[in-house]
Amino acid sequence: MTHFNVCPNCSFIWQNRDQFLGDPGVEIIGYQVQFENLTAGLFLFNHSCKTTFSLEVGVFRDLYSGPVFEERATGSDTCPGHCLHQNTLDPCPAACECAFVREIITLLKH
């Protein structure tokens, strides 16, 4: 039988993504950008057993169905630099290729 994910510390098994997203013992705490392939970036999560683990952005890509900008604004005057700071989980106001990832973070936080 397949499952969504297993905690690397306590071996708790989330059978599917909905179970994972609904688990009050899981909290998103960071994001490590991969500019060359945004869906290969990593979301960092804490589990209630006191461990941190990561899952690729691509695992959650289908949660966002809005627009995706074609150009990256990183380093421009409109870029707040959120992607450059792992612990910053704020939405991005820029018309940036990376902004859709920030929208997924907002969905994961709630």
PDB file of N, CA and C in Angstrom:
ATOM      1  N   MET A   1       0.840  -1.187   0.000  1.00  0.00           N
ATOM      2  CA  MET A   1       0.000   0.000   0.000  1.00  0.00           C
ATOM      3  C   MET A   1       0.884   1.250   0.000  1.00  0.00           C
ATOM      4  N   THR A   2       0.546   2.218  -0.793  1.00  0.00           N
ATOM      5  CA  THR A   2       1.305   3.458  -0.845  1.00  0.00           C
ATOM      6  C   THR A   2       0.746   4.460   0.152  1.00  0.00           C
ATOM      7  N   HIS A   3       1.558   5.423   0.473  1.00  0.00           N
ATOM      8  CA  HIS A   3       1.149   6.472   1.406  1.00  0.00           C
ATOM      9  C   HIS A   3       1.749   7.796   0.936  1.00  0.00           C
ATOM     10  N   PHE A   4       1.304   8.875   1.547  1.00  0.00           N
ATOM     11  CA  PHE A   4       1.766  10.199   1.147  1.00  0.00           C
ATOM     12  C   PHE A   4       3.174  10.490   1.672  1.00  0.00           C
ATOM     13  N   ASN A   5       3.375  10.296   2.977  1.00  0.00           N
ATOM     14  CA  ASN A   5       4.669  10.614   3.579  1.00  0.00           C
ATOM     15  C   ASN A   5       4.803   9.911   4.918  1.00  0.00           C
ATOM     16  N   VAL A   6       6.052   9.769   5.343  1.00  0.00           N
ATOM     17  CA  VAL A   6       6.372   9.173   6.638  1.00  0.00           C
ATOM     18  C   VAL A   6       7.300  10.132   7.379  1.00  0.00           C
ATOM     19  N   CYS A   7       7.012  10.393   8.637  1.00  0.00           N
ATOM     20  CA  CYS A   7       7.889  11.246   9.434  1.00  0.00           C
ATOM     21  C   CYS A   7       9.239  10.535   9.597  1.00  0.00           C
ATOM     22  N   PRO A   8      10.333  11.224   9.280  1.00  0.00           N
ATOM     23  CA  PRO A   8      11.647  10.587   9.378  1.00  0.00           C
ATOM     24  C   PRO A   8      12.111  10.330  10.815  1.00  0.00           C
ATOM     25  N   ASN A   9      11.447  10.920  11.788  1.00  0.00           N
ATOM     26  CA  ASN A   9      11.839  10.734  13.178  1.00  0.00           C
ATOM     27  C   ASN A   9      10.977   9.691  13.890  1.00  0.00           C
ATOM     28  N   CYS A  10       9.669   9.894  13.898  1.00  0.00           N
ATOM     29  CA  CYS A  10       8.782   9.011  14.672  1.00  0.00           C
ATOM     30  C   CYS A  10       8.087   7.954  13.819  1.00  0.00           C
ATOM     31  N   SER A  11       8.286   8.014  12.501  1.00  0.00           N
ATOM     32  CA  SER A  11       7.713   7.053  11.548  1.00  0.00           C
ATOM     33  C   SER A  11       6.197   7.134  11.427  1.00  0.00           C
ATOM     34  N   PHE A  12       5.612   8.256  11.847  1.00  0.00           N
ATOM     35  CA  PHE A  12       4.170   8.430  11.650  1.00  0.00           C
ATOM     36  C   PHE A  12       3.883   8.435  10.155  1.00  0.00           C
ATOM     37  N   ILE A  13       2.826   7.762   9.761  1.00  0.00           N
ATOM     38  CA  ILE A  13       2.473   7.663   8.345  1.00  0.00           C
ATOM     39  C   ILE A  13       1.232   8.501   8.057  1.00  0.00           C
ATOM     40  N   TRP A  14       1.352   9.388   7.061  1.00  0.00           N
ATOM     41  CA  TRP A  14       0.200  10.103   6.537  1.00  0.00           C
ATOM     42  C   TRP A  14      -0.232   9.339   5.291  1.00  0.00           C
ATOM     43  N   GLN A  15      -1.404   8.785   5.336  1.00  0.00           N
ATOM     44  CA  GLN A  15      -1.874   7.944   4.236  1.00  0.00           C
ATOM     45  C   GLN A  15      -2.080   8.726   2.946  1.00  0.00           C
ATOM     46  N   ASN A  16      -2.493   9.987   3.067  1.00  0.00           N
ATOM     47  CA  ASN A  16      -2.737  10.802   1.880  1.00  0.00           C
ATOM     48  C   ASN A  16      -2.455  12.270   2.212  1.00  0.00           C
ATOM     49  N   ARG A  17      -2.444  13.084   1.190  1.00  0.00           N
ATOM     50  CA  ARG A  17      -2.119  14.495   1.375  1.00  0.00           C
ATOM     51  C   ARG A  17      -3.153  15.209   2.230  1.00  0.00           C
ATOM     52  N   ASP A  18      -4.419  14.874   2.070  1.00  0.00           N
ATOM     53  CA  ASP A  18      -5.449  15.517   2.886  1.00  0.00           C
ATOM     54  C   ASP A  18      -5.225  15.245   4.373  1.00  0.00           C
ATOM     55  N   GLN A  19      -4.836  14.033   4.715  1.00  0.00           N
ATOM     56  CA  GLN A  19      -4.548  13.706   6.110  1.00  0.00           C
ATOM     57  C   GLN A  19      -3.356  14.528   6.608  1.00  0.00           C
ATOM     58  N   PHE A  20      -2.342  14.660   5.758  1.00  0.00           N
ATOM     59  CA  PHE A  20      -1.168  15.459   6.101  1.00  0.00           C
ATOM     60  C   PHE A  20      -1.552  16.920   6.332  1.00  0.00           C
ATOM     61  N   LEU A  21      -2.300  17.482   5.386  1.00  0.00           N
ATOM     62  CA  LEU A  21      -2.686  18.896   5.485  1.00  0.00           C
ATOM     63  C   LEU A  21      -3.609  19.174   6.666  1.00  0.00           C
ATOM     64  N   GLY A  22      -4.369  18.188   7.084  1.00  0.00           N
ATOM     65  CA  GLY A  22      -5.285  18.360   8.202  1.00  0.00           C
ATOM     66  C   GLY A  22      -4.686  18.040   9.555  1.00  0.00           C
ATOM     67  N   ASP A  23      -3.437  17.611   9.588  1.00  0.00           N
ATOM     68  CA  ASP A  23      -2.795  17.218  10.835  1.00  0.00           C
ATOM     69  C   ASP A  23      -2.354  18.455  11.614  1.00  0.00           C
ATOM     70  N   PRO A  24      -2.941  18.704  12.795  1.00  0.00           N
ATOM     71  CA  PRO A  24      -2.546  19.870  13.582  1.00  0.00           C
ATOM     72  C   PRO A  24      -1.115  19.769  14.114  1.00  0.00           C
ATOM     73  N   GLY A  25      -0.521  18.591  14.022  1.00  0.00           N
ATOM     74  CA  GLY A  25       0.858  18.389  14.470  1.00  0.00           C
ATOM     75  C   GLY A  25       1.890  18.703  13.404  1.00  0.00           C
ATOM     76  N   VAL A  26       1.443  19.196  12.251  1.00  0.00           N
ATOM     77  CA  VAL A  26       2.343  19.563  11.156  1.00  0.00           C
ATOM     78  C   VAL A  26       2.220  21.058  10.909  1.00  0.00           C
ATOM     79  N   GLU A  27       3.364  21.723  10.828  1.00  0.00           N
ATOM     80  CA  GLU A  27       3.371  23.169  10.599  1.00  0.00           C
ATOM     81  C   GLU A  27       4.453  23.512   9.573  1.00  0.00           C
ATOM     82  N   ILE A  28       4.088  24.306   8.565  1.00  0.00           N
ATOM     83  CA  ILE A  28       5.092  24.772   7.611  1.00  0.00           C
ATOM     84  C   ILE A  28       5.911  25.859   8.281  1.00  0.00           C
ATOM     85  N   ILE A  29       7.248  25.739   8.165  1.00  0.00           N
ATOM     86  CA  ILE A  29       8.119  26.704   8.843  1.00  0.00           C
ATOM     87  C   ILE A  29       9.117  27.381   7.907  1.00  0.00           C
ATOM     88  N   GLY A  30       9.205  26.900   6.666  1.00  0.00           N
ATOM     89  CA  GLY A  30      10.180  27.516   5.785  1.00  0.00           C
ATOM     90  C   GLY A  30      10.054  27.065   4.349  1.00  0.00           C
ATOM     91  N   TYR A  31      10.845  27.715   3.514  1.00  0.00           N
ATOM     92  CA  TYR A  31      10.867  27.417   2.089  1.00  0.00           C
ATOM     93  C   TYR A  31      12.278  27.651   1.566  1.00  0.00           C
ATOM     94  N   GLN A  32      12.824  26.646   0.904  1.00  0.00           N
ATOM     95  CA  GLN A  32      14.130  26.764   0.257  1.00  0.00           C
ATOM     96  C   GLN A  32      13.893  26.802  -1.243  1.00  0.00           C
ATOM     97  N   VAL A  33      14.146  27.957  -1.835  1.00  0.00           N
ATOM     98  CA  VAL A  33      13.881  28.155  -3.253  1.00  0.00           C
ATOM     99  C   VAL A  33      14.891  27.385  -4.108  1.00  0.00           C
ATOM    100  N   GLN A  34      14.435  26.957  -5.245  1.00  0.00           N
ATOM    101  CA  GLN A  34      15.274  26.360  -6.288  1.00  0.00           C
ATOM    102  C   GLN A  34      14.927  27.145  -7.554  1.00  0.00           C
ATOM    103  N   PHE A  35      15.651  28.217  -7.818  1.00  0.00           N
ATOM    104  CA  PHE A  35      15.296  29.130  -8.899  1.00  0.00           C
ATOM    105  C   PHE A  35      15.267  28.455 -10.276  1.00  0.00           C
ATOM    106  N   GLU A  36      16.131  27.492 -10.515  1.00  0.00           N
ATOM    107  CA  GLU A  36      16.183  26.839 -11.824  1.00  0.00           C
ATOM    108  C   GLU A  36      14.966  25.956 -12.082  1.00  0.00           C
ATOM    109  N   ASN A  37      14.354  25.455 -11.028  1.00  0.00           N
ATOM    110  CA  ASN A  37      13.167  24.601 -11.141  1.00  0.00           C
ATOM    111  C   ASN A  37      12.329  24.825  -9.884  1.00  0.00           C
ATOM    112  N   LEU A  38      11.391  25.748  -9.956  1.00  0.00           N
ATOM    113  CA  LEU A  38      10.645  26.164  -8.758  1.00  0.00           C
ATOM    114  C   LEU A  38       9.907  25.015  -8.081  1.00  0.00           C
ATOM    115  N   THR A  39       9.418  24.036  -8.832  1.00  0.00           N
ATOM    116  CA  THR A  39       8.701  22.928  -8.198  1.00  0.00           C
ATOM    117  C   THR A  39       9.640  21.961  -7.485  1.00  0.00           C
ATOM    118  N   ALA A  40      10.940  22.109  -7.688  1.00  0.00           N
ATOM    119  CA  ALA A  40      11.921  21.297  -6.968  1.00  0.00           C
ATOM    120  C   ALA A  40      12.369  21.965  -5.672  1.00  0.00           C
ATOM    121  N   GLY A  41      11.882  23.187  -5.422  1.00  0.00           N
ATOM    122  CA  GLY A  41      12.170  23.836  -4.150  1.00  0.00           C
ATOM    123  C   GLY A  41      11.580  23.019  -3.011  1.00  0.00           C
ATOM    124  N   LEU A  42      11.971  23.345  -1.799  1.00  0.00           N
ATOM    125  CA  LEU A  42      11.546  22.552  -0.643  1.00  0.00           C
ATOM    126  C   LEU A  42      10.744  23.376   0.353  1.00  0.00           C
ATOM    127  N   PHE A  43       9.600  22.825   0.746  1.00  0.00           N
ATOM    128  CA  PHE A  43       8.859  23.352   1.878  1.00  0.00           C
ATOM    129  C   PHE A  43       9.354  22.622   3.113  1.00  0.00           C
ATOM    130  N   LEU A  44       9.621  23.348   4.174  1.00  0.00           N
ATOM    131  CA  LEU A  44      10.093  22.770   5.428  1.00  0.00           C
ATOM    132  C   LEU A  44       8.945  22.722   6.425  1.00  0.00           C
ATOM    133  N   PHE A  45       8.801  21.581   7.064  1.00  0.00           N
ATOM    134  CA  PHE A  45       7.719  21.366   8.015  1.00  0.00           C
ATOM    135  C   PHE A  45       8.282  20.902   9.349  1.00  0.00           C
ATOM    136  N   ASN A  46       7.636  21.325  10.432  1.00  0.00           N
ATOM    137  CA  ASN A  46       7.888  20.759  11.750  1.00  0.00           C
ATOM    138  C   ASN A  46       6.762  19.786  12.057  1.00  0.00           C
ATOM    139  N   HIS A  47       7.125  18.672  12.677  1.00  0.00           N
ATOM    140  CA  HIS A  47       6.143  17.706  13.148  1.00  0.00           C
ATOM    141  C   HIS A  47       6.136  17.755  14.675  1.00  0.00           C
ATOM    142  N   SER A  48       5.036  17.410  15.266  1.00  0.00           N
ATOM    143  CA  SER A  48       4.870  17.486  16.725  1.00  0.00           C
ATOM    144  C   SER A  48       5.865  16.607  17.490  1.00  0.00           C
ATOM    145  N   CYS A  49       6.517  15.674  16.827  1.00  0.00           N
ATOM    146  CA  CYS A  49       7.527  14.839  17.489  1.00  0.00           C
ATOM    147  C   CYS A  49       8.870  15.556  17.585  1.00  0.00           C
ATOM    148  N   LYS A  50       8.893  16.830  17.203  1.00  0.00           N
ATOM    149  CA  LYS A  50      10.072  17.693  17.305  1.00  0.00           C
ATOM    150  C   LYS A  50      11.103  17.444  16.204  1.00  0.00           C
ATOM    151  N   THR A  51      10.641  17.096  15.016  1.00  0.00           N
ATOM    152  CA  THR A  51      11.548  16.956  13.884  1.00  0.00           C
ATOM    153  C   THR A  51      11.141  17.894  12.768  1.00  0.00           C
ATOM    154  N   THR A  52      12.085  18.206  11.920  1.00  0.00           N
ATOM    155  CA  THR A  52      11.849  19.020  10.732  1.00  0.00           C
ATOM    156  C   THR A  52      12.153  18.159   9.519  1.00  0.00           C
ATOM    157  N   PHE A  53      11.287  18.261   8.513  1.00  0.00           N
ATOM    158  CA  PHE A  53      11.497  17.520   7.270  1.00  0.00           C
ATOM    159  C   PHE A  53      11.027  18.374   6.107  1.00  0.00           C
ATOM    160  N   SER A  54      11.358  17.948   4.908  1.00  0.00           N
ATOM    161  CA  SER A  54      11.011  18.741   3.732  1.00  0.00           C
ATOM    162  C   SER A  54      10.225  17.918   2.720  1.00  0.00           C
ATOM    163  N   LEU A  55       9.431  18.632   1.936  1.00  0.00           N
ATOM    164  CA  LEU A  55       8.719  18.049   0.796  1.00  0.00           C
ATOM    165  C   LEU A  55       8.846  19.024  -0.363  1.00  0.00           C
ATOM    166  N   GLU A  56       8.988  18.500  -1.561  1.00  0.00           N
ATOM    167  CA  GLU A  56       9.137  19.352  -2.734  1.00  0.00           C
ATOM    168  C   GLU A  56       7.864  20.143  -3.027  1.00  0.00           C
ATOM    169  N   VAL A  57       8.039  21.333  -3.531  1.00  0.00           N
ATOM    170  CA  VAL A  57       6.926  22.197  -3.926  1.00  0.00           C
ATOM    171  C   VAL A  57       5.990  21.457  -4.879  1.00  0.00           C
ATOM    172  N   GLY A  58       6.552  20.671  -5.780  1.00  0.00           N
ATOM    173  CA  GLY A  58       5.762  19.957  -6.779  1.00  0.00           C
ATOM    174  C   GLY A  58       4.675  19.078  -6.201  1.00  0.00           C
ATOM    175  N   VAL A  59       4.866  18.591  -4.985  1.00  0.00           N
ATOM    176  CA  VAL A  59       3.869  17.747  -4.325  1.00  0.00           C
ATOM    177  C   VAL A  59       2.571  18.514  -4.082  1.00  0.00           C
ATOM    178  N   PHE A  60       2.685  19.842  -3.995  1.00  0.00           N
ATOM    179  CA  PHE A  60       1.541  20.690  -3.684  1.00  0.00           C
ATOM    180  C   PHE A  60       1.154  21.619  -4.835  1.00  0.00           C
ATOM    181  N   ARG A  61       1.808  21.487  -5.966  1.00  0.00           N
ATOM    182  CA  ARG A  61       1.627  22.412  -7.094  1.00  0.00           C
ATOM    183  C   ARG A  61       0.167  22.536  -7.525  1.00  0.00           C
ATOM    184  N   ASP A  62      -0.559  21.428  -7.511  1.00  0.00           N
ATOM    185  CA  ASP A  62      -1.947  21.441  -7.984  1.00  0.00           C
ATOM    186  C   ASP A  62      -2.907  22.181  -7.045  1.00  0.00           C
ATOM    187  N   LEU A  63      -2.446  22.586  -5.878  1.00  0.00           N
ATOM    188  CA  LEU A  63      -3.303  23.344  -4.961  1.00  0.00           C
ATOM    189  C   LEU A  63      -3.534  24.764  -5.460  1.00  0.00           C
ATOM    190  N   TYR A  64      -2.649  25.234  -6.336  1.00  0.00           N
ATOM    191  CA  TYR A  64      -2.754  26.592  -6.858  1.00  0.00           C
ATOM    192  C   TYR A  64      -3.151  26.552  -8.327  1.00  0.00           C
ATOM    193  N   SER A  65      -4.226  27.250  -8.659  1.00  0.00           N
ATOM    194  CA  SER A  65      -4.702  27.245 -10.042  1.00  0.00           C
ATOM    195  C   SER A  65      -4.736  28.643 -10.652  1.00  0.00           C
ATOM    196  N   GLY A  66      -4.123  29.594  -9.984  1.00  0.00           N
ATOM    197  CA  GLY A  66      -4.123  30.967 -10.485  1.00  0.00           C
ATOM    198  C   GLY A  66      -3.028  31.212 -11.506  1.00  0.00           C
ATOM    199  N   PRO A  67      -2.810  32.477 -11.822  1.00  0.00           N
ATOM    200  CA  PRO A  67      -1.808  32.819 -12.836  1.00  0.00           C
ATOM    201  C   PRO A  67      -0.383  32.568 -12.342  1.00  0.00           C
ATOM    202  N   VAL A  68       0.481  32.238 -13.282  1.00  0.00           N
ATOM    203  CA  VAL A  68       1.908  32.091 -12.999  1.00  0.00           C
ATOM    204  C   VAL A  68       2.629  33.035 -13.961  1.00  0.00           C
ATOM    205  N   PHE A  69       3.358  33.967 -13.416  1.00  0.00           N
ATOM    206  CA  PHE A  69       4.077  34.938 -14.231  1.00  0.00           C
ATOM    207  C   PHE A  69       5.272  34.270 -14.908  1.00  0.00           C
ATOM    208  N   GLU A  70       5.644  34.761 -16.062  1.00  0.00           N
ATOM    209  CA  GLU A  70       6.717  34.136 -16.839  1.00  0.00           C
ATOM    210  C   GLU A  70       8.103  34.626 -16.465  1.00  0.00           C
ATOM    211  N   GLU A  71       8.201  35.815 -15.890  1.00  0.00           N
ATOM    212  CA  GLU A  71       9.514  36.364 -15.565  1.00  0.00           C
ATOM    213  C   GLU A  71       9.696  36.479 -14.062  1.00  0.00           C
ATOM    214  N   ARG A  72      10.934  36.290 -13.638  1.00  0.00           N
ATOM    215  CA  ARG A  72      11.263  36.405 -12.217  1.00  0.00           C
ATOM    216  C   ARG A  72      11.630  37.849 -11.911  1.00  0.00           C
ATOM    217  N   ALA A  73      11.169  38.351 -10.787  1.00  0.00           N
ATOM    218  CA  ALA A  73      11.437  39.733 -10.375  1.00  0.00           C
ATOM    219  C   ALA A  73      12.537  39.814  -9.324  1.00  0.00           C
ATOM    220  N   THR A  74      13.151  38.706  -8.994  1.00  0.00           N
ATOM    221  CA  THR A  74      14.175  38.660  -7.957  1.00  0.00           C
ATOM    222  C   THR A  74      15.248  39.714  -8.216  1.00  0.00           C
ATOM    223  N   GLY A  75      15.517  40.522  -7.210  1.00  0.00           N
ATOM    224  CA  GLY A  75      16.534  41.555  -7.321  1.00  0.00           C
ATOM    225  C   GLY A  75      16.042  42.870  -7.893  1.00  0.00           C
ATOM    226  N   SER A  76      14.795  42.914  -8.340  1.00  0.00           N
ATOM    227  CA  SER A  76      14.250  44.154  -8.897  1.00  0.00           C
ATOM    228  C   SER A  76      13.683  45.032  -7.775  1.00  0.00           C
ATOM    229  N   ASP A  77      13.293  46.231  -8.140  1.00  0.00           N
ATOM    230  CA  ASP A  77      12.708  47.158  -7.165  1.00  0.00           C
ATOM    231  C   ASP A  77      11.373  46.651  -6.621  1.00  0.00           C
ATOM    232  N   THR A  78      10.667  45.802  -7.371  1.00  0.00           N
ATOM    233  CA  THR A  78       9.364  45.304  -6.927  1.00  0.00           C
ATOM    234  C   THR A  78       9.479  44.057  -6.057  1.00  0.00           C
ATOM    235  N   CYS A  79      10.663  43.480  -5.974  1.00  0.00           N
ATOM    236  CA  CYS A  79      10.863  42.227  -5.225  1.00  0.00           C
ATOM    237  C   CYS A  79      11.149  42.507  -3.754  1.00  0.00           C
ATOM    238  N   PRO A  80      10.321  41.954  -2.841  1.00  0.00           N
ATOM    239  CA  PRO A  80      10.595  42.132  -1.416  1.00  0.00           C
ATOM    240  C   PRO A  80      11.670  41.170  -0.894  1.00  0.00           C
ATOM    241  N   GLY A  81      12.120  40.232  -1.734  1.00  0.00           N
ATOM    242  CA  GLY A  81      13.192  39.318  -1.341  1.00  0.00           C
ATOM    243  C   GLY A  81      12.768  38.152  -0.464  1.00  0.00           C
ATOM    244  N   HIS A  82      11.482  37.865  -0.408  1.00  0.00           N
ATOM    245  CA  HIS A  82      11.008  36.782   0.458  1.00  0.00           C
ATOM    246  C   HIS A  82      11.682  35.434   0.158  1.00  0.00           C
ATOM    247  N   CYS A  83      11.869  35.117  -1.102  1.00  0.00           N
ATOM    248  CA  CYS A  83      12.432  33.812  -1.474  1.00  0.00           C
ATOM    249  C   CYS A  83      13.885  33.646  -1.026  1.00  0.00           C
ATOM    250  N   LEU A  84      14.534  34.745  -0.735  1.00  0.00           N
ATOM    251  CA  LEU A  84      15.927  34.692  -0.321  1.00  0.00           C
ATOM    252  C   LEU A  84      16.081  34.419   1.175  1.00  0.00           C
ATOM    253  N   HIS A  85      14.971  34.393   1.886  1.00  0.00           N
ATOM    254  CA  HIS A  85      14.991  34.184   3.338  1.00  0.00           C
ATOM    255  C   HIS A  85      14.112  32.982   3.680  1.00  0.00           C
ATOM    256  N   GLN A  86      14.739  31.902   4.023  1.00  0.00           N
ATOM    257  CA  GLN A  86      14.068  30.617   4.246  1.00  0.00           C
ATOM    258  C   GLN A  86      12.885  30.674   5.194  1.00  0.00           C
ATOM    259  N   ASN A  87      12.969  31.489   6.216  1.00  0.00           N
ATOM    260  CA  ASN A  87      11.913  31.522   7.238  1.00  0.00           C
ATOM    261  C   ASN A  87      10.817  32.541   6.954  1.00  0.00           C
ATOM    262  N   THR A  88      10.925  33.280   5.857  1.00  0.00           N
ATOM    263  CA  THR A  88       9.897  34.244   5.499  1.00  0.00           C
ATOM    264  C   THR A  88       8.826  33.540   4.679  1.00  0.00           C
ATOM    265  N   LEU A  89       7.620  33.531   5.185  1.00  0.00           N
ATOM    266  CA  LEU A  89       6.515  32.813   4.529  1.00  0.00           C
ATOM    267  C   LEU A  89       5.426  33.751   4.032  1.00  0.00           C
ATOM    268  N   ASP A  90       5.730  35.025   3.942  1.00  0.00           N
ATOM    269  CA  ASP A  90       4.748  36.017   3.507  1.00  0.00           C
ATOM    270  C   ASP A  90       4.438  35.873   2.015  1.00  0.00           C
ATOM    271  N   PRO A  91       3.228  36.257   1.608  1.00  0.00           N
ATOM    272  CA  PRO A  91       2.910  36.286   0.174  1.00  0.00           C
ATOM    273  C   PRO A  91       3.787  37.314  -0.540  1.00  0.00           C
ATOM    274  N   CYS A  92       3.950  37.133  -1.833  1.00  0.00           N
ATOM    275  CA  CYS A  92       4.764  38.050  -2.628  1.00  0.00           C
ATOM    276  C   CYS A  92       3.853  38.958  -3.446  1.00  0.00           C
ATOM    277  N   PRO A  93       4.012  40.276  -3.305  1.00  0.00           N
ATOM    278  CA  PRO A  93       3.186  41.204  -4.062  1.00  0.00           C
ATOM    279  C   PRO A  93       3.696  41.451  -5.489  1.00  0.00           C
ATOM    280  N   ALA A  94       4.880  40.954  -5.812  1.00  0.00           N
ATOM    281  CA  ALA A  94       5.491  41.223  -7.122  1.00  0.00           C
ATOM    282  C   ALA A  94       4.878  40.348  -8.213  1.00  0.00           C
ATOM    283  N   ALA A  95       4.892  40.862  -9.424  1.00  0.00           N
ATOM    284  CA  ALA A  95       4.490  40.067 -10.594  1.00  0.00           C
ATOM    285  C   ALA A  95       5.703  39.222 -10.975  1.00  0.00           C
ATOM    286  N   CYS A  96       5.903  38.154 -10.222  1.00  0.00           N
ATOM    287  CA  CYS A  96       7.123  37.353 -10.297  1.00  0.00           C
ATOM    288  C   CYS A  96       6.798  35.890 -10.546  1.00  0.00           C
ATOM    289  N   GLU A  97       7.665  35.245 -11.288  1.00  0.00           N
ATOM    290  CA  GLU A  97       7.530  33.812 -11.555  1.00  0.00           C
ATOM    291  C   GLU A  97       7.415  33.007 -10.256  1.00  0.00           C
ATOM    292  N   CYS A  98       8.055  33.464  -9.207  1.00  0.00           N
ATOM    293  CA  CYS A  98       8.077  32.741  -7.929  1.00  0.00           C
ATOM    294  C   CYS A  98       6.818  32.958  -7.082  1.00  0.00           C
ATOM    295  N   ALA A  99       5.996  33.930  -7.432  1.00  0.00           N
ATOM    296  CA  ALA A  99       4.864  34.316  -6.584  1.00  0.00           C
ATOM    297  C   ALA A  99       3.877  33.183  -6.357  1.00  0.00           C
ATOM    298  N   PHE A 100       3.716  32.269  -7.327  1.00  0.00           N
ATOM    299  CA  PHE A 100       2.752  31.180  -7.135  1.00  0.00           C
ATOM    300  C   PHE A 100       3.160  30.282  -5.970  1.00  0.00           C
ATOM    301  N   VAL A 101       4.462  30.145  -5.735  1.00  0.00           N
ATOM    302  CA  VAL A 101       4.928  29.321  -4.612  1.00  0.00           C
ATOM    303  C   VAL A 101       4.511  29.966  -3.300  1.00  0.00           C
ATOM    304  N   ARG A 102       4.584  31.288  -3.250  1.00  0.00           N
ATOM    305  CA  ARG A 102       4.177  32.003  -2.041  1.00  0.00           C
ATOM    306  C   ARG A 102       2.683  31.820  -1.784  1.00  0.00           C
ATOM    307  N   GLU A 103       1.889  31.720  -2.859  1.00  0.00           N
ATOM    308  CA  GLU A 103       0.451  31.468  -2.710  1.00  0.00           C
ATOM    309  C   GLU A 103       0.211  30.065  -2.156  1.00  0.00           C
ATOM    310  N   ILE A 104       1.004  29.105  -2.594  1.00  0.00           N
ATOM    311  CA  ILE A 104       0.880  27.750  -2.054  1.00  0.00           C
ATOM    312  C   ILE A 104       1.233  27.746  -0.574  1.00  0.00           C
ATOM    313  N   ILE A 105       2.246  28.499  -0.187  1.00  0.00           N
ATOM    314  CA  ILE A 105       2.607  28.596   1.224  1.00  0.00           C
ATOM    315  C   ILE A 105       1.426  29.117   2.038  1.00  0.00           C
ATOM    316  N   THR A 106       0.754  30.139   1.520  1.00  0.00           N
ATOM    317  CA  THR A 106      -0.407  30.690   2.215  1.00  0.00           C
ATOM    318  C   THR A 106      -1.473  29.620   2.390  1.00  0.00           C
ATOM    319  N   LEU A 107      -1.705  28.821   1.357  1.00  0.00           N
ATOM    320  CA  LEU A 107      -2.677  27.727   1.465  1.00  0.00           C
ATOM    321  C   LEU A 107      -2.243  26.694   2.503  1.00  0.00           C
ATOM    322  N   LEU A 108      -0.973  26.377   2.538  1.00  0.00           N
ATOM    323  CA  LEU A 108      -0.476  25.382   3.497  1.00  0.00           C
ATOM    324  C   LEU A 108      -0.558  25.885   4.942  1.00  0.00           C
ATOM    325  N   LYS A 109      -0.396  27.172   5.119  1.00  0.00           N
ATOM    326  CA  LYS A 109      -0.483  27.746   6.466  1.00  0.00           C
ATOM    327  C   LYS A 109      -1.889  27.680   7.033  1.00  0.00           C
ATOM    328  N   HIS A 110      -2.875  27.612   6.148  1.00  0.00           N
ATOM    329  CA  HIS A 110      -4.259  27.611   6.598  1.00  0.00           C
ATOM    330  C   HIS A 110      -4.891  26.290   6.288  1.00  0.00           C
TER     331      HIS A 110
END
